[in-house]
C-alpha atoms as a PDB file:
ATOM      1  CA  MET A   1    -111.651 152.712  78.540  1.00  0.00           C
ATOM      2  CA  CYS A   2    -113.786 151.261  75.952  1.00  0.00           C
ATOM      3  CA  THR A   3    -115.211 153.852  73.408  1.00  0.00           C
ATOM      4  CA  VAL A   4    -116.737 151.543  70.904  1.00  0.00           C
ATOM      5  CA  GLY A   5    -120.229 153.147  70.347  1.00  0.00           C
ATOM      6  CA  MET A   6    -119.377 156.325  72.338  1.00  0.00           C
ATOM      7  CA  HIS A   7    -119.788 159.762  70.572  1.00  0.00           C
ATOM      8  CA  LEU A   8    -116.461 161.574  71.137  1.00  0.00           C
ATOM      9  CA  ASP A   9    -117.131 164.818  69.010  1.00  0.00           C
ATOM     10  CA  VAL A  10    -120.246 166.560  68.963  1.00  0.00           C
ATOM     11  CA  THR A  11    -119.363 168.506  65.841  1.00  0.00           C
ATOM     12  CA  LEU A  12    -119.616 165.195  63.839  1.00  0.00           C
ATOM     13  CA  GLY A  13    -122.755 163.232  63.329  1.00  0.00           C
ATOM     14  CA  ALA A  14    -122.830 160.263  65.457  1.00  0.00           C
ATOM     15  CA  ASN A  15    -123.159 157.711  62.611  1.00  0.00           C
ATOM     16  CA  GLU A  16    -120.529 159.496  60.555  1.00  0.00           C
ATOM     17  CA  GLU A  17    -118.132 159.242  63.389  1.00  0.00           C
ATOM     18  CA  LEU A  18    -119.025 155.528  64.138  1.00  0.00           C
ATOM     19  CA  ARG A  19    -118.626 154.578  60.425  1.00  0.00           C
ATOM     20  CA  PHE A  20    -115.204 156.106  60.254  1.00  0.00           C
ATOM     21  CA  ARG A  21    -113.885 154.300  63.366  1.00  0.00           C
ATOM     22  CA  GLN A  22    -115.248 151.053  62.382  1.00  0.00           C
ATOM     23  CA  LYS A  23    -113.590 151.285  59.222  1.00  0.00           C
ATOM     24  CA  TYR A  24    -110.228 151.178  60.676  1.00  0.00           C
ATOM     25  CA  SER A  25    -111.141 149.083  63.710  1.00  0.00           C
ATOM     26  CA  LYS A  26    -108.749 146.403  62.871  1.00  0.00           C
ATOM     27  CA  LEU A  27    -105.914 148.832  62.407  1.00  0.00           C
ATOM     28  CA  LEU A  28    -106.838 150.564  65.847  1.00  0.00           C
ATOM     29  CA  ARG A  29    -106.716 147.193  67.547  1.00  0.00           C
ATOM     30  CA  ARG A  30    -103.342 146.407  66.248  1.00  0.00           C
ATOM     31  CA  LEU A  31    -101.901 149.886  67.107  1.00  0.00           C
ATOM     32  CA  ALA A  32    -103.532 149.677  70.689  1.00  0.00           C
ATOM     33  CA  LYS A  33    -101.189 146.720  71.287  1.00  0.00           C
ATOM     34  CA  GLU A  34     -98.137 148.338  69.917  1.00  0.00           C
ATOM     35  CA  LEU A  35     -98.402 152.011  71.077  1.00  0.00           C
ATOM     36  CA  PRO A  36     -98.811 153.735  74.340  1.00  0.00           C
ATOM     37  CA  LEU A  37    -101.920 155.263  73.792  1.00  0.00           C
ATOM     38  CA  ASP A  38    -105.336 153.826  75.198  1.00  0.00           C
ATOM     39  CA  ARG A  39    -108.581 153.381  73.150  1.00  0.00           C
ATOM     40  CA  GLN A  40    -110.067 156.780  73.616  1.00  0.00           C
ATOM     41  CA  GLU A  41    -106.835 158.356  72.818  1.00  0.00           C
ATOM     42  CA  LEU A  42    -106.498 156.394  69.352  1.00  0.00           C
ATOM     43  CA  ASP A  43    -110.191 157.288  68.503  1.00  0.00           C
ATOM     44  CA  SER A  44    -109.617 161.061  69.190  1.00  0.00           C
ATOM     45  CA  LEU A  45    -106.567 161.004  66.953  1.00  0.00           C
ATOM     46  CA  VAL A  46    -108.577 159.135  64.317  1.00  0.00           C
ATOM     47  CA  ILE A  47    -111.376 161.871  64.759  1.00  0.00           C
ATOM     48  CA  ILE A  48    -108.721 164.575  64.225  1.00  0.00           C
ATOM     49  CA  TYR A  49    -107.484 162.953  61.081  1.00  0.00           C
ATOM     50  CA  TYR A  50    -111.008 162.529  59.696  1.00  0.00           C
ATOM     51  CA  LYS A  51    -112.033 165.991  60.169  1.00  0.00           C
ATOM     52  CA  HIS A  52    -108.929 167.221  58.209  1.00  0.00           C
ATOM     53  CA  MET A  53    -109.841 164.841  55.662  1.00  0.00           C
ATOM     54  CA  LYS A  54    -113.296 166.080  55.367  1.00  0.00           C
ATOM     55  CA  ILE A  55    -112.307 169.701  55.582  1.00  0.00           C
ATOM     56  CA  ALA A  56    -109.987 169.273  52.576  1.00  0.00           C
ATOM     57  CA  GLU A  57    -112.514 167.040  50.927  1.00  0.00           C
ATOM     58  CA  LYS A  58    -109.642 164.574  50.155  1.00  0.00           C
ATOM     59  CA  LYS A  59    -109.288 160.601  50.504  1.00  0.00           C
ATOM     60  CA  ALA A  60    -106.759 161.410  53.336  1.00  0.00           C
ATOM     61  CA  MET A  61    -105.186 164.034  55.498  1.00  0.00           C
ATOM     62  CA  THR A  62    -102.888 165.977  53.224  1.00  0.00           C
ATOM     63  CA  LYS A  63     -98.949 166.547  53.930  1.00  0.00           C
ATOM     64  CA  ILE A  64     -99.861 170.313  53.986  1.00  0.00           C
ATOM     65  CA  GLN A  65    -102.619 169.965  56.553  1.00  0.00           C
ATOM     66  CA  PHE A  66    -100.046 167.795  58.677  1.00  0.00           C
ATOM     67  CA  GLN A  67     -97.642 170.470  58.326  1.00  0.00           C
ATOM     68  CA  GLU A  68    -100.109 173.233  59.571  1.00  0.00           C
ATOM     69  CA  LEU A  69    -101.011 170.921  62.532  1.00  0.00           C
ATOM     70  CA  LEU A  70     -97.456 170.660  63.575  1.00  0.00           C
ATOM     71  CA  HIS A  71     -97.174 174.497  63.203  1.00  0.00           C
ATOM     72  CA  SER A  72    -100.435 175.565  64.797  1.00  0.00           C
ATOM     73  CA  ALA A  73    -101.069 172.626  67.443  1.00  0.00           C
ATOM     74  CA  LEU A  74     -97.448 171.569  68.406  1.00  0.00           C
ATOM     75  CA  ASP A  75     -95.443 174.849  68.099  1.00  0.00           C
ATOM     76  CA  LEU A  76     -93.094 173.503  65.330  1.00  0.00           C
ATOM     77  CA  THR A  77     -92.856 176.540  63.583  1.00  0.00           C
ATOM     78  CA  ASP A  78     -89.306 176.412  61.812  1.00  0.00           C
ATOM     79  CA  SER A  79     -90.016 175.512  58.216  1.00  0.00           C
ATOM     80  CA  LEU A  80     -86.858 173.095  58.069  1.00  0.00           C
ATOM     81  CA  SER A  81     -87.937 171.497  61.162  1.00  0.00           C
ATOM     82  CA  VAL A  82     -91.431 170.873  59.647  1.00  0.00           C
ATOM     83  CA  PHE A  83     -89.847 169.535  56.370  1.00  0.00           C
ATOM     84  CA  ARG A  84     -87.584 167.148  58.368  1.00  0.00           C
ATOM     85  CA  VAL A  85     -90.562 165.871  60.427  1.00  0.00           C
ATOM     86  CA  THR A  86     -92.952 165.366  57.504  1.00  0.00           C
ATOM     87  CA  ALA A  87     -90.185 163.411  55.326  1.00  0.00           C
ATOM     88  CA  THR A  88     -89.441 161.337  58.243  1.00  0.00           C
ATOM     89  CA  ALA A  89     -92.769 160.609  59.641  1.00  0.00           C
ATOM     90  CA  CYS A  90     -94.727 160.343  56.297  1.00  0.00           C
ATOM     91  CA  LYS A  91     -92.979 157.893  53.917  1.00  0.00           C
ATOM     92  CA  SER A  92     -95.864 157.720  51.417  1.00  0.00           C
ATOM     93  CA  ILE A  93     -95.482 158.984  48.009  1.00  0.00           C
ATOM     94  CA  GLY A  94     -97.698 161.816  47.186  1.00  0.00           C
ATOM     95  CA  PRO A  95     -99.405 164.391  48.938  1.00  0.00           C
ATOM     96  CA  TYR A  96    -100.952 162.350  51.611  1.00  0.00           C
ATOM     97  CA  VAL A  97    -100.414 161.251  55.033  1.00  0.00           C
ATOM     98  CA  LYS A  98    -101.670 157.468  55.776  1.00  0.00           C
ATOM     99  CA  LEU A  99    -103.695 156.974  58.899  1.00  0.00           C
ATOM    100  CA  GLU A 100    -101.367 154.594  60.417  1.00  0.00           C
ATOM    101  CA  GLU A 101     -98.308 157.214  59.774  1.00  0.00           C
ATOM    102  CA  PHE A 102    -100.148 159.989  61.439  1.00  0.00           C
ATOM    103  CA  ILE A 103    -101.167 158.145  64.511  1.00  0.00           C
ATOM    104  CA  ARG A 104     -97.575 156.595  65.043  1.00  0.00           C
ATOM    105  CA  VAL A 105     -95.776 160.004  64.907  1.00  0.00           C
ATOM    106  CA  MET A 106     -98.464 161.555  67.064  1.00  0.00           C
ATOM    107  CA  ALA A 107     -97.901 158.730  69.593  1.00  0.00           C
ATOM    108  CA  LEU A 108     -94.313 159.126  69.660  1.00  0.00           C
ATOM    109  CA  PHE A 109     -94.853 163.049  70.004  1.00  0.00           C
ATOM    110  CA  LEU A 110     -97.207 162.877  72.647  1.00  0.00           C
ATOM    111  CA  LYS A 111     -96.186 159.776  74.739  1.00  0.00           C
ATOM    112  CA  GLY A 112     -93.074 158.570  73.394  1.00  0.00           C
ATOM    113  CA  THR A 113     -89.892 157.315  75.303  1.00  0.00           C
ATOM    114  CA  PHE A 114     -86.723 159.258  75.429  1.00  0.00           C
ATOM    115  CA  GLU A 115     -85.253 156.427  73.414  1.00  0.00           C
ATOM    116  CA  GLU A 116     -87.760 156.558  70.788  1.00  0.00           C
ATOM    117  CA  LYS A 117     -87.303 160.333  70.485  1.00  0.00           C
ATOM    118  CA  ILE A 118     -83.543 159.947  70.144  1.00  0.00           C
ATOM    119  CA  LYS A 119     -83.998 157.675  67.212  1.00  0.00           C
ATOM    120  CA  PHE A 120     -86.575 159.765  65.382  1.00  0.00           C
ATOM    121  CA  CYS A 121     -84.621 163.158  65.923  1.00  0.00           C
ATOM    122  CA  TYR A 122     -81.549 161.278  64.287  1.00  0.00           C
ATOM    123  CA  LYS A 123     -83.613 160.207  61.501  1.00  0.00           C
ATOM    124  CA  CYS A 124     -84.850 163.483  61.069  1.00  0.00           C
ATOM    125  CA  TYR A 125     -81.382 164.940  60.650  1.00  0.00           C
ATOM    126  CA  VAL A 126     -80.239 162.386  58.276  1.00  0.00           C
ATOM    127  CA  VAL A 127     -83.371 162.073  56.279  1.00  0.00           C
ATOM    128  CA  THR A 128     -81.689 163.695  52.889  1.00  0.00           C
ATOM    129  CA  THR A 129     -78.556 161.927  53.523  1.00  0.00           C
ATOM    130  CA  VAL A 130     -76.901 159.105  51.410  1.00  0.00           C
ATOM    131  CA  ASP A 131     -75.246 157.187  54.110  1.00  0.00           C
ATOM    132  CA  ALA A 132     -77.554 158.091  57.078  1.00  0.00           C
ATOM    133  CA  THR A 133     -75.012 159.922  59.240  1.00  0.00           C
ATOM    134  CA  ILE A 134     -74.541 163.402  60.240  1.00  0.00           C
ATOM    135  CA  ARG A 135     -71.575 165.072  58.423  1.00  0.00           C
ATOM    136  CA  ARG A 136     -70.193 168.459  58.449  1.00  0.00           C
ATOM    137  CA  ASP A 137     -72.266 169.454  55.417  1.00  0.00           C
ATOM    138  CA  VAL A 138     -75.266 168.225  57.291  1.00  0.00           C
ATOM    139  CA  MET A 139     -74.589 170.198  60.230  1.00  0.00           C
ATOM    140  CA  PHE A 140     -73.785 173.359  58.397  1.00  0.00           C
ATOM    141  CA  ARG A 141     -76.853 173.148  56.474  1.00  0.00           C
ATOM    142  CA  ASN A 142     -79.208 172.480  59.485  1.00  0.00           C
ATOM    143  CA  LEU A 143     -77.650 175.389  61.400  1.00  0.00           C
ATOM    144  CA  LYS A 144     -77.593 177.882  58.453  1.00  0.00           C
ATOM    145  CA  GLY A 145     -80.005 180.414  59.316  1.00  0.00           C
ATOM    146  CA  THR A 146     -79.682 179.946  63.140  1.00  0.00           C
ATOM    147  CA  VAL A 147     -76.872 182.313  63.567  1.00  0.00           C
ATOM    148  CA  PHE A 148     -77.127 186.011  63.322  1.00  0.00           C
ATOM    149  CA  THR A 149     -74.593 188.722  63.968  1.00  0.00           C
ATOM    150  CA  ARG A 150     -74.789 192.456  64.101  1.00  0.00           C
ATOM    151  CA  ASN A 151     -70.919 192.859  63.462  1.00  0.00           C
ATOM    152  CA  LEU A 152     -70.632 193.681  59.420  1.00  0.00           C
ATOM    153  CA  ASP A 153     -67.109 192.448  59.733  1.00  0.00           C
ATOM    154  CA  GLU A 154     -68.070 189.200  61.133  1.00  0.00           C
ATOM    155  CA  ASP A 155     -69.327 186.291  58.754  1.00  0.00           C
ATOM    156  CA  SER A 156     -72.142 184.178  60.046  1.00  0.00           C
ATOM    157  CA  ASP A 157     -71.014 181.094  58.025  1.00  0.00           C
ATOM    158  CA  ASP A 158     -67.479 181.425  59.814  1.00  0.00           C
ATOM    159  CA  ILE A 159     -69.289 181.290  63.199  1.00  0.00           C
ATOM    160  CA  ILE A 160     -71.289 178.198  61.875  1.00  0.00           C
ATOM    161  CA  ARG A 161     -68.149 176.437  60.762  1.00  0.00           C
ATOM    162  CA  ASP A 162     -66.547 177.222  64.366  1.00  0.00           C
ATOM    163  CA  LEU A 163     -69.717 175.800  65.911  1.00  0.00           C
ATOM    164  CA  VAL A 164     -69.561 172.736  63.769  1.00  0.00           C
ATOM    165  CA  ASP A 165     -65.719 172.107  65.024  1.00  0.00           C
ATOM    166  CA  LEU A 166     -67.379 172.291  68.568  1.00  0.00           C
ATOM    167  CA  ILE A 167     -69.982 169.719  67.745  1.00  0.00           C
ATOM    168  CA  GLN A 168     -67.566 167.428  66.196  1.00  0.00           C
ATOM    169  CA  ALA A 169     -65.168 167.709  68.985  1.00  0.00           C
ATOM    170  CA  LYS A 170     -68.234 166.970  71.456  1.00  0.00           C
ATOM    171  CA  MET A 171     -69.896 164.063  69.577  1.00  0.00           C
ATOM    172  CA  GLU A 172     -67.693 162.751  66.929  1.00  0.00           C
ATOM    173  CA  LEU A 173     -66.187 160.042  69.250  1.00  0.00           C
ATOM    174  CA  HIS A 174     -64.533 157.936  66.347  1.00  0.00           C
ATOM    175  CA  ARG A 175     -62.853 161.125  64.398  1.00  0.00           C
ATOM    176  CA  ASP A 176     -63.932 159.703  61.283  1.00  0.00           C
ATOM    177  CA  GLY A 177     -65.827 162.707  60.098  1.00  0.00           C
ATOM    178  CA  LYS A 178     -69.256 161.726  60.768  1.00  0.00           C
ATOM    179  CA  ILE A 179     -71.534 161.374  63.686  1.00  0.00           C
ATOM    180  CA  THR A 180     -73.267 158.094  63.577  1.00  0.00           C
ATOM    181  CA  LEU A 181     -76.597 157.012  65.353  1.00  0.00           C
ATOM    182  CA  GLU A 182     -74.743 155.139  68.317  1.00  0.00           C
ATOM    183  CA  GLU A 183     -72.393 158.204  68.857  1.00  0.00           C
ATOM    184  CA  TYR A 184     -75.600 160.760  68.710  1.00  0.00           C
ATOM    185  CA  LYS A 185     -77.293 158.358  71.066  1.00  0.00           C
ATOM    186  CA  GLU A 186     -74.297 158.290  73.732  1.00  0.00           C
ATOM    187  CA  SER A 187     -73.803 161.981  73.683  1.00  0.00           C
ATOM    188  CA  VAL A 188     -77.616 162.657  74.188  1.00  0.00           C
ATOM    189  CA  GLN A 189     -77.963 160.220  77.080  1.00  0.00           C
ATOM    190  CA  SER A 190     -74.893 162.101  78.647  1.00  0.00           C
ATOM    191  CA  ASN A 191     -76.626 165.327  78.040  1.00  0.00           C
ATOM    192  CA  SER A 192     -80.132 165.505  77.190  1.00  0.00           C
ATOM    193  CA  LEU A 193     -79.917 169.114  75.917  1.00  0.00           C
ATOM    194  CA  LEU A 194     -77.992 167.629  72.770  1.00  0.00           C
ATOM    195  CA  LEU A 195     -81.233 166.007  71.719  1.00  0.00           C
ATOM    196  CA  GLU A 196     -82.196 168.640  69.285  1.00  0.00           C
ATOM    197  CA  PHE A 197     -78.799 170.048  68.330  1.00  0.00           C
ATOM    198  CA  LEU A 198     -79.298 170.675  64.998  1.00  0.00           C
ATOM    199  CA  GLY A 199     -82.976 172.265  65.592  1.00  0.00           C
ATOM    200  CA  PRO A 200     -86.422 171.059  66.770  1.00  0.00           C
ATOM    201  CA  CYS A 201     -87.700 167.523  65.632  1.00  0.00           C
ATOM    202  CA  VAL A 202     -90.212 166.605  68.540  1.00  0.00           C
ATOM    203  CA  PRO A 203     -92.864 169.210  70.269  1.00  0.00           C
ATOM    204  CA  SER A 204     -91.857 170.697  73.369  1.00  0.00           C
ATOM    205  CA  ARG A 205     -93.460 168.839  76.575  1.00  0.00           C
ATOM    206  CA  MET A 206     -95.655 171.969  77.058  1.00  0.00           C
ATOM    207  CA  ALA A 207     -97.007 171.951  73.717  1.00  0.00           C
ATOM    208  CA  SER A 208     -97.408 168.013  73.809  1.00  0.00           C
ATOM    209  CA  ARG A 209     -99.345 168.152  77.251  1.00  0.00           C
ATOM    210  CA  ALA A 210    -101.480 171.162  75.704  1.00  0.00           C
ATOM    211  CA  PHE A 211    -102.329 169.118  72.727  1.00  0.00           C
ATOM    212  CA  LEU A 212    -102.910 165.836  74.758  1.00  0.00           C
ATOM    213  CA  SER A 213    -105.395 167.683  77.181  1.00  0.00           C
ATOM    214  CA  THR A 214    -107.758 168.457  74.353  1.00  0.00           C
ATOM    215  CA  PHE A 215    -108.886 164.876  74.450  1.00  0.00           C
ATOM    216  CA  THR A 216    -107.710 162.990  77.549  1.00  0.00           C
ATOM    217  CA  ASP A 217    -106.800 163.807  81.228  1.00  0.00           C
ATOM    218  CA  LYS A 218    -104.278 161.177  81.361  1.00  0.00           C
ATOM    219  CA  LEU A 219    -101.500 163.423  80.839  1.00  0.00           C
ATOM    220  CA  GLY A 220     -98.684 161.558  83.355  1.00  0.00           C
ATOM    221  CA  LYS A 221     -95.620 163.090  84.623  1.00  0.00           C
ATOM    222  CA  PHE A 222     -94.684 166.713  83.337  1.00  0.00           C
END
């Protein structure tokens, strides 16, 4: 559907909206060829980005605004998850999120393939590592705070260490002290429940569908 000249948001002036969309028309034409979004969906994401920029009176959406969007609109409420996603999706140095970064990660959240989500989740888990692999310390750090016990004689750290042992036995195929992307991918393809085994990195299908339904009726299968 062509949306050039169409007024998509009644809370913005038609000329104001059109000027911003035209400013990035070249970028949007390129992204339309690369991403699983139609032009109306792309334009809607541009407007969401612009409205955040306008509210903050900044030159771009801020990373804080992006994190608030993850929390309020996409149900990623865990602070560690929000940090991982932001650090992975927004490579720009400084406090801002580029429009292209925003659109690309939203396209992945809303209409990305399972293969794309596997790669993204792995990148989230290794975003602060040196060798881009998942080692024991990475697993322990990501699982810390997820295990609680009412038994005063039972140490939650010991429970996490036992859990890490189980994960390694299941997913560390080469027994070399680390889980590579290939090992992670193979494990997740065998059992999709392992996709976010160290915590959320992508919105749930329900959250993605609810967000997408605010600006399109092309929701696909659910």
